[in-house]
Amino acid sequence: MNMPIRLGHYLALCDRCKFKRYDDQLIETWNGLMVCRPSIKQGCFDTRHPQDFIRPPKEDGSIPFARPRPTDVFVDVTFADSSVGVQDTRIPSGNFNWGL
């Protein structure tokens, strides 16, 4: 298809249908594509979906009440000397190959 020459305009391809169009017959979409204007050909130009503009409400990160942090409590522990439960510190003797 031979397109008539139009001075001051250039030819470009539609990013969706790949038809050759003049620059004034193309329009830029919200995502940066150059597509056919809605008046030229239906189907190439899409408006941005309304769901893209919905923003969730900001969350309130505060807590309903707060208490000051309690001070640390340190307890001294004393151990009584006793012979009950004393650990055996001797090294056992014998063969520890376990049958290998």
C-alpha atoms as a PDB file:
ATOM      1  CA  MET A   1       0.000   0.000   0.000  1.00  0.00           C
ATOM      2  CA  ASN A   2       1.508   3.282  -1.060  1.00  0.00           C
ATOM      3  CA  MET A   3       0.895   6.054   1.410  1.00  0.00           C
ATOM      4  CA  PRO A   4       0.626   9.599   0.057  1.00  0.00           C
ATOM      5  CA  ILE A   5       3.479  11.922   0.945  1.00  0.00           C
ATOM      6  CA  ARG A   6       2.650  14.362   3.715  1.00  0.00           C
ATOM      7  CA  LEU A   7       5.168  17.108   4.250  1.00  0.00           C
ATOM      8  CA  GLY A   8       6.267  17.666   7.844  1.00  0.00           C
ATOM      9  CA  HIS A   9       5.261  14.183   8.990  1.00  0.00           C
ATOM     10  CA  TYR A  10       7.210  10.956   9.269  1.00  0.00           C
ATOM     11  CA  LEU A  11       6.228   7.329   9.061  1.00  0.00           C
ATOM     12  CA  ALA A  12       6.325   5.057  12.096  1.00  0.00           C
ATOM     13  CA  LEU A  13       5.109   1.604  13.038  1.00  0.00           C
ATOM     14  CA  CYS A  14       2.360   0.964  15.543  1.00  0.00           C
ATOM     15  CA  ASP A  15       3.827  -1.033  18.439  1.00  0.00           C
ATOM     16  CA  ARG A  16       0.781  -3.311  18.600  1.00  0.00           C
ATOM     17  CA  CYS A  17      -0.490  -3.961  15.066  1.00  0.00           C
ATOM     18  CA  LYS A  18       2.799  -3.081  13.254  1.00  0.00           C
ATOM     19  CA  PHE A  19       0.940  -1.081  10.577  1.00  0.00           C
ATOM     20  CA  LYS A  20       2.796   1.834   9.043  1.00  0.00           C
ATOM     21  CA  ARG A  21       1.209   5.112  10.146  1.00  0.00           C
ATOM     22  CA  TYR A  22       2.053   8.805  10.099  1.00  0.00           C
ATOM     23  CA  ASP A  23       3.220  10.333  13.364  1.00  0.00           C
ATOM     24  CA  ASP A  24      -0.018  12.262  13.917  1.00  0.00           C
ATOM     25  CA  GLN A  25      -1.992   9.007  13.668  1.00  0.00           C
ATOM     26  CA  LEU A  26      -0.118   7.502  16.644  1.00  0.00           C
ATOM     27  CA  ILE A  27      -0.574   8.207  20.325  1.00  0.00           C
ATOM     28  CA  GLU A  28       1.581   7.242  23.302  1.00  0.00           C
ATOM     29  CA  THR A  29      -0.034   4.946  25.857  1.00  0.00           C
ATOM     30  CA  TRP A  30       0.476   5.021  29.633  1.00  0.00           C
ATOM     31  CA  ASN A  31       3.210   2.370  29.393  1.00  0.00           C
ATOM     32  CA  GLY A  32       5.215   4.119  26.663  1.00  0.00           C
ATOM     33  CA  LEU A  33       3.970   2.311  23.524  1.00  0.00           C
ATOM     34  CA  MET A  34       3.198   4.271  20.354  1.00  0.00           C
ATOM     35  CA  VAL A  35      -0.086   2.858  19.022  1.00  0.00           C
ATOM     36  CA  CYS A  36      -2.834   3.824  16.573  1.00  0.00           C
ATOM     37  CA  ARG A  37      -5.194   6.532  17.771  1.00  0.00           C
ATOM     38  CA  PRO A  38      -8.690   5.327  18.685  1.00  0.00           C
ATOM     39  CA  SER A  39     -10.128   7.363  15.793  1.00  0.00           C
ATOM     40  CA  ILE A  40      -7.857   5.568  13.272  1.00  0.00           C
ATOM     41  CA  LYS A  41      -8.291   1.934  14.251  1.00  0.00           C
ATOM     42  CA  GLN A  42     -10.097   0.380  17.173  1.00  0.00           C
ATOM     43  CA  GLY A  43      -8.176  -2.207  19.151  1.00  0.00           C
ATOM     44  CA  CYS A  44      -4.675  -0.747  19.420  1.00  0.00           C
ATOM     45  CA  PHE A  45      -5.223   1.938  22.056  1.00  0.00           C
ATOM     46  CA  ASP A  46      -6.060   0.769  25.572  1.00  0.00           C
ATOM     47  CA  THR A  47      -6.760   3.060  28.462  1.00  0.00           C
ATOM     48  CA  ARG A  48      -5.170   2.288  31.772  1.00  0.00           C
ATOM     49  CA  HIS A  49      -7.233  -0.006  33.954  1.00  0.00           C
ATOM     50  CA  PRO A  50      -8.985   1.764  36.866  1.00  0.00           C
ATOM     51  CA  GLN A  51      -7.652  -0.854  39.314  1.00  0.00           C
ATOM     52  CA  ASP A  52      -4.150   0.537  38.707  1.00  0.00           C
ATOM     53  CA  PHE A  53      -5.151   3.722  40.521  1.00  0.00           C
ATOM     54  CA  ILE A  54      -6.462   2.092  43.691  1.00  0.00           C
ATOM     55  CA  ARG A  55      -4.177   2.650  46.651  1.00  0.00           C
ATOM     56  CA  PRO A  56      -4.618   0.750  49.900  1.00  0.00           C
ATOM     57  CA  PRO A  57      -5.029   2.837  53.037  1.00  0.00           C
ATOM     58  CA  LYS A  58      -1.901   3.455  55.038  1.00  0.00           C
ATOM     59  CA  GLU A  59      -1.581   1.242  58.075  1.00  0.00           C
ATOM     60  CA  ASP A  60      -1.333   2.815  61.489  1.00  0.00           C
ATOM     61  CA  GLY A  61       1.772   1.244  63.003  1.00  0.00           C
ATOM     62  CA  SER A  62       1.227   2.606  66.488  1.00  0.00           C
ATOM     63  CA  ILE A  63       0.123   0.401  69.359  1.00  0.00           C
ATOM     64  CA  PRO A  64      -2.959   1.293  71.428  1.00  0.00           C
ATOM     65  CA  PHE A  65      -1.024   1.593  74.720  1.00  0.00           C
ATOM     66  CA  ALA A  66       2.561   1.247  75.899  1.00  0.00           C
ATOM     67  CA  ARG A  67       4.237   0.576  79.211  1.00  0.00           C
ATOM     68  CA  PRO A  68       7.764   1.556  80.166  1.00  0.00           C
ATOM     69  CA  ARG A  69      10.326  -1.203  80.034  1.00  0.00           C
ATOM     70  CA  PRO A  70      10.871  -2.698  83.499  1.00  0.00           C
ATOM     71  CA  THR A  71      14.286  -2.406  85.077  1.00  0.00           C
ATOM     72  CA  ASP A  72      16.478  -5.486  85.124  1.00  0.00           C
ATOM     73  CA  VAL A  73      16.554  -7.469  88.343  1.00  0.00           C
ATOM     74  CA  PHE A  74      19.819  -9.183  89.253  1.00  0.00           C
ATOM     75  CA  VAL A  75      19.863 -12.033  91.775  1.00  0.00           C
ATOM     76  CA  ASP A  76      22.981 -13.288  93.554  1.00  0.00           C
ATOM     77  CA  VAL A  77      23.178 -17.063  93.747  1.00  0.00           C
ATOM     78  CA  THR A  78      25.322 -18.788  96.339  1.00  0.00           C
ATOM     79  CA  PHE A  79      26.156 -22.462  96.082  1.00  0.00           C
ATOM     80  CA  ALA A  80      26.476 -24.539  99.229  1.00  0.00           C
ATOM     81  CA  ASP A  81      29.392 -26.954  99.428  1.00  0.00           C
ATOM     82  CA  SER A  82      28.029 -30.464  99.441  1.00  0.00           C
ATOM     83  CA  SER A  83      29.262 -33.914  98.651  1.00  0.00           C
ATOM     84  CA  VAL A  84      25.905 -34.874  97.180  1.00  0.00           C
ATOM     85  CA  GLY A  85      25.898 -34.680  93.410  1.00  0.00           C
ATOM     86  CA  VAL A  86      29.606 -34.004  93.027  1.00  0.00           C
ATOM     87  CA  GLN A  87      30.837 -34.702  89.547  1.00  0.00           C
ATOM     88  CA  ASP A  88      33.476 -37.379  89.045  1.00  0.00           C
ATOM     89  CA  THR A  89      36.516 -35.767  87.438  1.00  0.00           C
ATOM     90  CA  ARG A  90      38.593 -38.929  86.888  1.00  0.00           C
ATOM     91  CA  ILE A  91      39.463 -39.947  83.313  1.00  0.00           C
ATOM     92  CA  PRO A  92      38.150 -43.444  82.599  1.00  0.00           C
ATOM     93  CA  SER A  93      40.585 -46.059  81.401  1.00  0.00           C
ATOM     94  CA  GLY A  94      40.034 -48.846  78.919  1.00  0.00           C
ATOM     95  CA  ASN A  95      39.713 -49.573  75.219  1.00  0.00           C
ATOM     96  CA  PHE A  96      37.443 -47.164  73.387  1.00  0.00           C
ATOM     97  CA  ASN A  97      37.574 -48.684  69.880  1.00  0.00           C
ATOM     98  CA  TRP A  98      33.967 -49.842  70.200  1.00  0.00           C
ATOM     99  CA  GLY A  99      34.658 -53.069  68.404  1.00  0.00           C
ATOM    100  CA  LEU A 100      36.382 -51.556  65.387  1.00  0.00           C
END
